[in-house]
Amino acid sequence: MTLEDRIFEKKIELASGRCLYLAILIGGFTSENPTQYMNNKVSKYIKGIGYNEYIDVNLDNPWVRVIITDLNNLKDDIDFKKLTDQTLQQLMKS
């Protein structure tokens, strides 16, 4: 098995027509500074789009980043006061 960079991406299309992307970026295994390497990889992947990033809670895995794009604007698609009356299937298109 080679230690190559990979991106796993899932497009989530909302009923409004907007799309979010969930991406797992893996890489920097041979880099002397995997944190900086992955910071650059995230910047190139995102290209200026708003995103939220999740990292390992123990900060001991600099080779993996989890990203969700445009999550902060989800409030435009969901009435959070009525969220308990809605299901995930109603929010997303099949």
PDB file of N, CA and C in Angstrom:
ATOM      1  N   MET A   1       0.834  -1.180   0.000  1.00  0.00           N
ATOM      2  CA  MET A   1       0.000   0.000   0.000  1.00  0.00           C
ATOM      3  C   MET A   1       0.878   1.244   0.000  1.00  0.00           C
ATOM      4  N   THR A   2       0.596   2.181  -0.893  1.00  0.00           N
ATOM      5  CA  THR A   2       1.384   3.404  -0.972  1.00  0.00           C
ATOM      6  C   THR A   2       0.791   4.478  -0.072  1.00  0.00           C
ATOM      7  N   LEU A   3       1.629   5.386   0.315  1.00  0.00           N
ATOM      8  CA  LEU A   3       1.196   6.502   1.163  1.00  0.00           C
ATOM      9  C   LEU A   3       0.942   7.721   0.291  1.00  0.00           C
ATOM     10  N   GLU A   4      -0.148   7.700  -0.430  1.00  0.00           N
ATOM     11  CA  GLU A   4      -0.469   8.800  -1.330  1.00  0.00           C
ATOM     12  C   GLU A   4      -1.609   9.641  -0.766  1.00  0.00           C
ATOM     13  N   ASP A   5      -1.688  10.863  -1.252  1.00  0.00           N
ATOM     14  CA  ASP A   5      -2.764  11.758  -0.840  1.00  0.00           C
ATOM     15  C   ASP A   5      -4.091  11.273  -1.412  1.00  0.00           C
ATOM     16  N   ARG A   6      -5.151  11.460  -0.652  1.00  0.00           N
ATOM     17  CA  ARG A   6      -6.481  11.070  -1.106  1.00  0.00           C
ATOM     18  C   ARG A   6      -7.502  12.084  -0.616  1.00  0.00           C
ATOM     19  N   ILE A   7      -8.579  12.223  -1.396  1.00  0.00           N
ATOM     20  CA  ILE A   7      -9.714  13.043  -0.997  1.00  0.00           C
ATOM     21  C   ILE A   7     -10.971  12.204  -1.194  1.00  0.00           C
ATOM     22  N   PHE A   8     -11.723  12.052  -0.127  1.00  0.00           N
ATOM     23  CA  PHE A   8     -13.015  11.384  -0.182  1.00  0.00           C
ATOM     24  C   PHE A   8     -14.060  12.478  -0.021  1.00  0.00           C
ATOM     25  N   GLU A   9     -14.971  12.575  -0.979  1.00  0.00           N
ATOM     26  CA  GLU A   9     -15.910  13.685  -0.993  1.00  0.00           C
ATOM     27  C   GLU A   9     -17.340  13.175  -1.178  1.00  0.00           C
ATOM     28  N   LYS A  10     -18.260  13.789  -0.446  1.00  0.00           N
ATOM     29  CA  LYS A  10     -19.677  13.468  -0.568  1.00  0.00           C
ATOM     30  C   LYS A  10     -20.439  14.771  -0.753  1.00  0.00           C
ATOM     31  N   LYS A  11     -21.200  14.847  -1.839  1.00  0.00           N
ATOM     32  CA  LYS A  11     -22.041  16.013  -2.110  1.00  0.00           C
ATOM     33  C   LYS A  11     -23.382  15.788  -1.435  1.00  0.00           C
ATOM     34  N   ILE A  12     -23.836  16.784  -0.676  1.00  0.00           N
ATOM     35  CA  ILE A  12     -25.126  16.711   0.004  1.00  0.00           C
ATOM     36  C   ILE A  12     -25.998  17.800  -0.585  1.00  0.00           C
ATOM     37  N   GLU A  13     -26.991  17.401  -1.371  1.00  0.00           N
ATOM     38  CA  GLU A  13     -27.871  18.362  -2.015  1.00  0.00           C
ATOM     39  C   GLU A  13     -29.092  18.572  -1.133  1.00  0.00           C
ATOM     40  N   LEU A  14     -29.323  19.820  -0.756  1.00  0.00           N
ATOM     41  CA  LEU A  14     -30.460  20.169   0.085  1.00  0.00           C
ATOM     42  C   LEU A  14     -31.698  20.399  -0.776  1.00  0.00           C
ATOM     43  N   ALA A  15     -32.848  20.321  -0.152  1.00  0.00           N
ATOM     44  CA  ALA A  15     -34.109  20.507  -0.879  1.00  0.00           C
ATOM     45  C   ALA A  15     -34.178  21.869  -1.556  1.00  0.00           C
ATOM     46  N   SER A  16     -33.493  22.856  -1.023  1.00  0.00           N
ATOM     47  CA  SER A  16     -33.493  24.201  -1.605  1.00  0.00           C
ATOM     48  C   SER A  16     -32.673  24.280  -2.891  1.00  0.00           C
ATOM     49  N   GLY A  17     -31.892  23.235  -3.165  1.00  0.00           N
ATOM     50  CA  GLY A  17     -31.024  23.246  -4.336  1.00  0.00           C
ATOM     51  C   GLY A  17     -29.576  23.558  -4.003  1.00  0.00           C
ATOM     52  N   ARG A  18     -29.344  24.091  -2.819  1.00  0.00           N
ATOM     53  CA  ARG A  18     -27.964  24.345  -2.381  1.00  0.00           C
ATOM     54  C   ARG A  18     -27.272  23.027  -2.099  1.00  0.00           C
ATOM     55  N   CYS A  19     -25.954  23.042  -2.185  1.00  0.00           N
ATOM     56  CA  CYS A  19     -25.170  21.837  -1.918  1.00  0.00           C
ATOM     57  C   CYS A  19     -24.120  22.102  -0.852  1.00  0.00           C
ATOM     58  N   LEU A  20     -23.946  21.145   0.008  1.00  0.00           N
ATOM     59  CA  LEU A  20     -22.843  21.120   0.957  1.00  0.00           C
ATOM     60  C   LEU A  20     -21.925  19.996   0.515  1.00  0.00           C
ATOM     61  N   TYR A  21     -20.674  20.088   0.891  1.00  0.00           N
ATOM     62  CA  TYR A  21     -19.737  19.008   0.605  1.00  0.00           C
ATOM     63  C   TYR A  21     -19.079  18.576   1.902  1.00  0.00           C
ATOM     64  N   LEU A  22     -19.033  17.290   2.111  1.00  0.00           N
ATOM     65  CA  LEU A  22     -18.300  16.694   3.218  1.00  0.00           C
ATOM     66  C   LEU A  22     -17.078  16.046   2.595  1.00  0.00           C
ATOM     67  N   ALA A  23     -15.914  16.421   3.051  1.00  0.00           N
ATOM     68  CA  ALA A  23     -14.688  15.892   2.464  1.00  0.00           C
ATOM     69  C   ALA A  23     -13.725  15.449   3.557  1.00  0.00           C
ATOM     70  N   ILE A  24     -13.075  14.340   3.293  1.00  0.00           N
ATOM     71  CA  ILE A  24     -11.998  13.860   4.155  1.00  0.00           C
ATOM     72  C   ILE A  24     -10.728  13.920   3.321  1.00  0.00           C
ATOM     73  N   LEU A  25      -9.772  14.722   3.766  1.00  0.00           N
ATOM     74  CA  LEU A  25      -8.503  14.873   3.072  1.00  0.00           C
ATOM     75  C   LEU A  25      -7.434  14.140   3.870  1.00  0.00           C
ATOM     76  N   ILE A  26      -6.674  13.328   3.173  1.00  0.00           N
ATOM     77  CA  ILE A  26      -5.618  12.536   3.811  1.00  0.00           C
ATOM     78  C   ILE A  26      -4.332  12.778   3.033  1.00  0.00           C
ATOM     79  N   GLY A  27      -3.243  13.031   3.736  1.00  0.00           N
ATOM     80  CA  GLY A  27      -1.977  13.228   3.030  1.00  0.00           C
ATOM     81  C   GLY A  27      -0.873  13.718   3.942  1.00  0.00           C
ATOM     82  N   GLY A  28       0.262  14.018   3.325  1.00  0.00           N
ATOM     83  CA  GLY A  28       1.416  14.541   4.049  1.00  0.00           C
ATOM     84  C   GLY A  28       2.215  13.497   4.804  1.00  0.00           C
ATOM     85  N   PHE A  29       2.063  12.236   4.422  1.00  0.00           N
ATOM     86  CA  PHE A  29       2.724  11.159   5.167  1.00  0.00           C
ATOM     87  C   PHE A  29       4.244  11.238   5.099  1.00  0.00           C
ATOM     88  N   THR A  30       4.767  11.727   3.993  1.00  0.00           N
ATOM     89  CA  THR A  30       6.222  11.805   3.847  1.00  0.00           C
ATOM     90  C   THR A  30       6.751  13.218   4.053  1.00  0.00           C
ATOM     91  N   SER A  31       5.878  14.149   4.395  1.00  0.00           N
ATOM     92  CA  SER A  31       6.283  15.532   4.600  1.00  0.00           C
ATOM     93  C   SER A  31       6.968  15.703   5.957  1.00  0.00           C
ATOM     94  N   GLU A  32       7.959  16.580   5.999  1.00  0.00           N
ATOM     95  CA  GLU A  32       8.608  16.889   7.274  1.00  0.00           C
ATOM     96  C   GLU A  32       7.698  17.704   8.178  1.00  0.00           C
ATOM     97  N   ASN A  33       6.737  18.423   7.579  1.00  0.00           N
ATOM     98  CA  ASN A  33       5.790  19.219   8.339  1.00  0.00           C
ATOM     99  C   ASN A  33       4.371  18.913   7.837  1.00  0.00           C
ATOM    100  N   PRO A  34       3.798  17.784   8.290  1.00  0.00           N
ATOM    101  CA  PRO A  34       2.485  17.382   7.778  1.00  0.00           C
ATOM    102  C   PRO A  34       1.372  18.376   8.098  1.00  0.00           C
ATOM    103  N   THR A  35       1.481  19.103   9.202  1.00  0.00           N
ATOM    104  CA  THR A  35       0.454  20.092   9.546  1.00  0.00           C
ATOM    105  C   THR A  35       0.409  21.195   8.490  1.00  0.00           C
ATOM    106  N   GLN A  36       1.545  21.763   8.161  1.00  0.00           N
ATOM    107  CA  GLN A  36       1.606  22.808   7.136  1.00  0.00           C
ATOM    108  C   GLN A  36       1.206  22.249   5.774  1.00  0.00           C
ATOM    109  N   TYR A  37       1.635  21.049   5.481  1.00  0.00           N
ATOM    110  CA  TYR A  37       1.280  20.398   4.222  1.00  0.00           C
ATOM    111  C   TYR A  37      -0.236  20.281   4.083  1.00  0.00           C
ATOM    112  N   MET A  38      -0.893  19.837   5.146  1.00  0.00           N
ATOM    113  CA  MET A  38      -2.346  19.674   5.099  1.00  0.00           C
ATOM    114  C   MET A  38      -3.063  21.024   5.105  1.00  0.00           C
ATOM    115  N   ASN A  39      -2.497  22.026   5.788  1.00  0.00           N
ATOM    116  CA  ASN A  39      -3.070  23.375   5.718  1.00  0.00           C
ATOM    117  C   ASN A  39      -3.108  23.851   4.262  1.00  0.00           C
ATOM    118  N   ASN A  40      -2.019  23.632   3.538  1.00  0.00           N
ATOM    119  CA  ASN A  40      -1.955  24.020   2.130  1.00  0.00           C
ATOM    120  C   ASN A  40      -2.922  23.197   1.284  1.00  0.00           C
ATOM    121  N   LYS A  41      -3.026  21.915   1.585  1.00  0.00           N
ATOM    122  CA  LYS A  41      -3.930  21.039   0.843  1.00  0.00           C
ATOM    123  C   LYS A  41      -5.387  21.486   1.029  1.00  0.00           C
ATOM    124  N   VAL A  42      -5.751  21.843   2.248  1.00  0.00           N
ATOM    125  CA  VAL A  42      -7.106  22.329   2.524  1.00  0.00           C
ATOM    126  C   VAL A  42      -7.359  23.626   1.763  1.00  0.00           C
ATOM    127  N   SER A  43      -6.417  24.551   1.785  1.00  0.00           N
ATOM    128  CA  SER A  43      -6.578  25.826   1.079  1.00  0.00           C
ATOM    129  C   SER A  43      -6.787  25.617  -0.413  1.00  0.00           C
ATOM    130  N   LYS A  44      -6.037  24.713  -1.001  1.00  0.00           N
ATOM    131  CA  LYS A  44      -6.184  24.432  -2.427  1.00  0.00           C
ATOM    132  C   LYS A  44      -7.525  23.768  -2.724  1.00  0.00           C
ATOM    133  N   TYR A  45      -7.980  22.914  -1.839  1.00  0.00           N
ATOM    134  CA  TYR A  45      -9.256  22.218  -2.033  1.00  0.00           C
ATOM    135  C   TYR A  45     -10.433  23.195  -1.912  1.00  0.00           C
ATOM    136  N   ILE A  46     -10.396  24.059  -0.937  1.00  0.00           N
ATOM    137  CA  ILE A  46     -11.510  24.958  -0.631  1.00  0.00           C
ATOM    138  C   ILE A  46     -11.647  26.089  -1.645  1.00  0.00           C
ATOM    139  N   LYS A  47     -10.559  26.666  -2.085  1.00  0.00           N
ATOM    140  CA  LYS A  47     -10.563  27.750  -3.076  1.00  0.00           C
ATOM    141  C   LYS A  47     -11.452  28.923  -2.664  1.00  0.00           C
ATOM    142  N   GLY A  48     -11.378  29.349  -1.418  1.00  0.00           N
ATOM    143  CA  GLY A  48     -12.088  30.540  -0.976  1.00  0.00           C
ATOM    144  C   GLY A  48     -13.522  30.347  -0.530  1.00  0.00           C
ATOM    145  N   ILE A  49     -14.028  29.126  -0.551  1.00  0.00           N
ATOM    146  CA  ILE A  49     -15.397  28.849  -0.097  1.00  0.00           C
ATOM    147  C   ILE A  49     -15.384  28.758   1.432  1.00  0.00           C
ATOM    148  N   GLY A  50     -16.462  29.214   2.069  1.00  0.00           N
ATOM    149  CA  GLY A  50     -16.563  29.087   3.526  1.00  0.00           C
ATOM    150  C   GLY A  50     -16.637  27.614   3.921  1.00  0.00           C
ATOM    151  N   TYR A  51     -15.979  27.271   5.006  1.00  0.00           N
ATOM    152  CA  TYR A  51     -15.966  25.874   5.434  1.00  0.00           C
ATOM    153  C   TYR A  51     -15.729  25.759   6.933  1.00  0.00           C
ATOM    154  N   ASN A  52     -16.070  24.601   7.458  1.00  0.00           N
ATOM    155  CA  ASN A  52     -15.737  24.228   8.828  1.00  0.00           C
ATOM    156  C   ASN A  52     -14.789  23.052   8.744  1.00  0.00           C
ATOM    157  N   GLU A  53     -13.801  23.046   9.621  1.00  0.00           N
ATOM    158  CA  GLU A  53     -12.789  22.005   9.600  1.00  0.00           C
ATOM    159  C   GLU A  53     -12.729  21.316  10.952  1.00  0.00           C
ATOM    160  N   TYR A  54     -12.560  20.014  10.912  1.00  0.00           N
ATOM    161  CA  TYR A  54     -12.515  19.218  12.129  1.00  0.00           C
ATOM    162  C   TYR A  54     -11.208  18.447  12.145  1.00  0.00           C
ATOM    163  N   ILE A  55     -10.532  18.486  13.293  1.00  0.00           N
ATOM    164  CA  ILE A  55      -9.258  17.806  13.433  1.00  0.00           C
ATOM    165  C   ILE A  55      -9.337  16.838  14.603  1.00  0.00           C
ATOM    166  N   ASP A  56      -8.374  15.976  14.682  1.00  0.00           N
ATOM    167  CA  ASP A  56      -8.299  14.983  15.742  1.00  0.00           C
ATOM    168  C   ASP A  56      -8.292  15.664  17.105  1.00  0.00           C
ATOM    169  N   VAL A  57      -9.133  15.192  18.009  1.00  0.00           N
ATOM    170  CA  VAL A  57      -9.291  15.815  19.326  1.00  0.00           C
ATOM    171  C   VAL A  57      -7.978  15.818  20.122  1.00  0.00           C
ATOM    172  N   ASN A  58      -7.129  14.830  19.910  1.00  0.00           N
ATOM    173  CA  ASN A  58      -5.870  14.760  20.644  1.00  0.00           C
ATOM    174  C   ASN A  58      -4.731  15.482  19.938  1.00  0.00           C
ATOM    175  N   LEU A  59      -5.021  16.022  18.756  1.00  0.00           N
ATOM    176  CA  LEU A  59      -4.027  16.742  17.956  1.00  0.00           C
ATOM    177  C   LEU A  59      -2.788  15.896  17.659  1.00  0.00           C
ATOM    178  N   ASP A  60      -2.973  14.581  17.576  1.00  0.00           N
ATOM    179  CA  ASP A  60      -1.838  13.717  17.286  1.00  0.00           C
ATOM    180  C   ASP A  60      -1.944  13.037  15.918  1.00  0.00           C
ATOM    181  N   ASN A  61      -2.852  13.538  15.057  1.00  0.00           N
ATOM    182  CA  ASN A  61      -3.006  12.989  13.714  1.00  0.00           C
ATOM    183  C   ASN A  61      -3.055  14.145  12.717  1.00  0.00           C
ATOM    184  N   PRO A  62      -1.897  14.651  12.294  1.00  0.00           N
ATOM    185  CA  PRO A  62      -1.879  15.788  11.372  1.00  0.00           C
ATOM    186  C   PRO A  62      -2.144  15.407   9.914  1.00  0.00           C
ATOM    187  N   TRP A  63      -2.343  14.134   9.613  1.00  0.00           N
ATOM    188  CA  TRP A  63      -2.468  13.649   8.236  1.00  0.00           C
ATOM    189  C   TRP A  63      -3.901  13.608   7.718  1.00  0.00           C
ATOM    190  N   VAL A  64      -4.886  13.886   8.574  1.00  0.00           N
ATOM    191  CA  VAL A  64      -6.293  13.790   8.180  1.00  0.00           C
ATOM    192  C   VAL A  64      -7.030  15.068   8.554  1.00  0.00           C
ATOM    193  N   ARG A  65      -7.835  15.574   7.628  1.00  0.00           N
ATOM    194  CA  ARG A  65      -8.708  16.716   7.885  1.00  0.00           C
ATOM    195  C   ARG A  65     -10.107  16.371   7.387  1.00  0.00           C
ATOM    196  N   VAL A  66     -11.102  16.770   8.139  1.00  0.00           N
ATOM    197  CA  VAL A  66     -12.499  16.595   7.748  1.00  0.00           C
ATOM    198  C   VAL A  66     -13.079  17.989   7.567  1.00  0.00           C
ATOM    199  N   ILE A  67     -13.714  18.208   6.417  1.00  0.00           N
ATOM    200  CA  ILE A  67     -14.207  19.537   6.053  1.00  0.00           C
ATOM    201  C   ILE A  67     -15.669  19.433   5.636  1.00  0.00           C
ATOM    202  N   ILE A  68     -16.451  20.412   6.053  1.00  0.00           N
ATOM    203  CA  ILE A  68     -17.817  20.574   5.559  1.00  0.00           C
ATOM    204  C   ILE A  68     -17.915  21.996   5.029  1.00  0.00           C
ATOM    205  N   THR A  69     -18.288  22.123   3.755  1.00  0.00           N
ATOM    206  CA  THR A  69     -18.367  23.451   3.149  1.00  0.00           C
ATOM    207  C   THR A  69     -19.697  24.118   3.458  1.00  0.00           C
ATOM    208  N   ASP A  70     -19.662  25.410   3.596  1.00  0.00           N
ATOM    209  CA  ASP A  70     -20.848  26.269   3.697  1.00  0.00           C
ATOM    210  C   ASP A  70     -21.807  25.880   4.816  1.00  0.00           C
ATOM    211  N   LEU A  71     -21.304  25.270   5.859  1.00  0.00           N
ATOM    212  CA  LEU A  71     -22.144  24.821   6.968  1.00  0.00           C
ATOM    213  C   LEU A  71     -22.787  25.995   7.701  1.00  0.00           C
ATOM    214  N   ASN A  72     -22.104  27.122   7.768  1.00  0.00           N
ATOM    215  CA  ASN A  72     -22.630  28.278   8.494  1.00  0.00           C
ATOM    216  C   ASN A  72     -23.899  28.835   7.867  1.00  0.00           C
ATOM    217  N   ASN A  73     -24.125  28.583   6.584  1.00  0.00           N
ATOM    218  CA  ASN A  73     -25.321  29.075   5.911  1.00  0.00           C
ATOM    219  C   ASN A  73     -26.463  28.070   5.928  1.00  0.00           C
ATOM    220  N   LEU A  74     -26.299  26.987   6.653  1.00  0.00           N
ATOM    221  CA  LEU A  74     -27.345  25.978   6.736  1.00  0.00           C
ATOM    222  C   LEU A  74     -28.627  26.552   7.333  1.00  0.00           C
ATOM    223  N   LYS A  75     -28.478  27.574   8.156  1.00  0.00           N
ATOM    224  CA  LYS A  75     -29.653  28.208   8.782  1.00  0.00           C
ATOM    225  C   LYS A  75     -30.609  28.769   7.733  1.00  0.00           C
ATOM    226  N   ASP A  76     -30.102  29.063   6.536  1.00  0.00           N
ATOM    227  CA  ASP A  76     -30.959  29.566   5.462  1.00  0.00           C
ATOM    228  C   ASP A  76     -31.859  28.473   4.891  1.00  0.00           C
ATOM    229  N   ASP A  77     -31.508  27.211   5.118  1.00  0.00           N
ATOM    230  CA  ASP A  77     -32.262  26.087   4.566  1.00  0.00           C
ATOM    231  C   ASP A  77     -33.104  25.352   5.602  1.00  0.00           C
ATOM    232  N   ILE A  78     -32.828  25.592   6.872  1.00  0.00           N
ATOM    233  CA  ILE A  78     -33.497  24.840   7.928  1.00  0.00           C
ATOM    234  C   ILE A  78     -34.103  25.804   8.941  1.00  0.00           C
ATOM    235  N   ASP A  79     -35.325  25.570   9.292  1.00  0.00           N
ATOM    236  CA  ASP A  79     -35.951  26.307  10.390  1.00  0.00           C
ATOM    237  C   ASP A  79     -35.642  25.513  11.663  1.00  0.00           C
ATOM    238  N   PHE A  80     -34.612  25.935  12.373  1.00  0.00           N
ATOM    239  CA  PHE A  80     -34.149  25.169  13.526  1.00  0.00           C
ATOM    240  C   PHE A  80     -35.191  25.081  14.634  1.00  0.00           C
ATOM    241  N   LYS A  81     -36.129  26.026  14.666  1.00  0.00           N
ATOM    242  CA  LYS A  81     -37.186  25.960  15.676  1.00  0.00           C
ATOM    243  C   LYS A  81     -38.122  24.792  15.416  1.00  0.00           C
ATOM    244  N   LYS A  82     -38.212  24.367  14.166  1.00  0.00           N
ATOM    245  CA  LYS A  82     -39.099  23.256  13.799  1.00  0.00           C
ATOM    246  C   LYS A  82     -38.320  21.999  13.434  1.00  0.00           C
ATOM    247  N   LEU A  83     -37.058  21.959  13.774  1.00  0.00           N
ATOM    248  CA  LEU A  83     -36.208  20.844  13.363  1.00  0.00           C
ATOM    249  C   LEU A  83     -36.727  19.502  13.850  1.00  0.00           C
ATOM    250  N   THR A  84     -37.324  19.463  15.026  1.00  0.00           N
ATOM    251  CA  THR A  84     -37.817  18.191  15.545  1.00  0.00           C
ATOM    252  C   THR A  84     -38.983  17.661  14.716  1.00  0.00           C
ATOM    253  N   ASP A  85     -39.646  18.521  13.942  1.00  0.00           N
ATOM    254  CA  ASP A  85     -40.750  18.101  13.093  1.00  0.00           C
ATOM    255  C   ASP A  85     -40.285  17.657  11.706  1.00  0.00           C
ATOM    256  N   GLN A  86     -39.030  17.852  11.430  1.00  0.00           N
ATOM    257  CA  GLN A  86     -38.503  17.514  10.120  1.00  0.00           C
ATOM    258  C   GLN A  86     -37.603  16.298  10.226  1.00  0.00           C
ATOM    259  N   THR A  87     -37.428  15.625   9.135  1.00  0.00           N
ATOM    260  CA  THR A  87     -36.485  14.509   9.091  1.00  0.00           C
ATOM    261  C   THR A  87     -35.353  14.867   8.141  1.00  0.00           C
ATOM    262  N   LEU A  88     -34.276  14.161   8.251  1.00  0.00           N
ATOM    263  CA  LEU A  88     -33.138  14.393   7.363  1.00  0.00           C
ATOM    264  C   LEU A  88     -33.539  14.184   5.906  1.00  0.00           C
ATOM    265  N   GLN A  89     -34.405  13.229   5.659  1.00  0.00           N
ATOM    266  CA  GLN A  89     -34.840  12.961   4.294  1.00  0.00           C
ATOM    267  C   GLN A  89     -35.623  14.137   3.705  1.00  0.00           C
ATOM    268  N   GLN A  90     -36.351  14.887   4.528  1.00  0.00           N
ATOM    269  CA  GLN A  90     -37.073  16.051   4.053  1.00  0.00           C
ATOM    270  C   GLN A  90     -36.123  17.190   3.700  1.00  0.00           C
ATOM    271  N   LEU A  91     -35.000  17.265   4.374  1.00  0.00           N
ATOM    272  CA  LEU A  91     -34.037  18.332   4.127  1.00  0.00           C
ATOM    273  C   LEU A  91     -33.191  18.064   2.902  1.00  0.00           C
ATOM    274  N   MET A  92     -32.932  16.792   2.618  1.00  0.00           N
ATOM    275  CA  MET A  92     -32.079  16.431   1.499  1.00  0.00           C
ATOM    276  C   MET A  92     -32.909  15.799   0.404  1.00  0.00           C
ATOM    277  N   LYS A  93     -32.486  16.041  -0.817  1.00  0.00           N
ATOM    278  CA  LYS A  93     -33.142  15.393  -1.947  1.00  0.00           C
ATOM    279  C   LYS A  93     -32.658  13.950  -2.029  1.00  0.00           C
ATOM    280  N   SER A  94     -33.484  13.104  -2.519  1.00  0.00           N
ATOM    281  CA  SER A  94     -33.095  11.693  -2.695  1.00  0.00           C
ATOM    282  C   SER A  94     -32.203  11.556  -3.900  1.00  0.00           C
TER     283      SER A  94
END
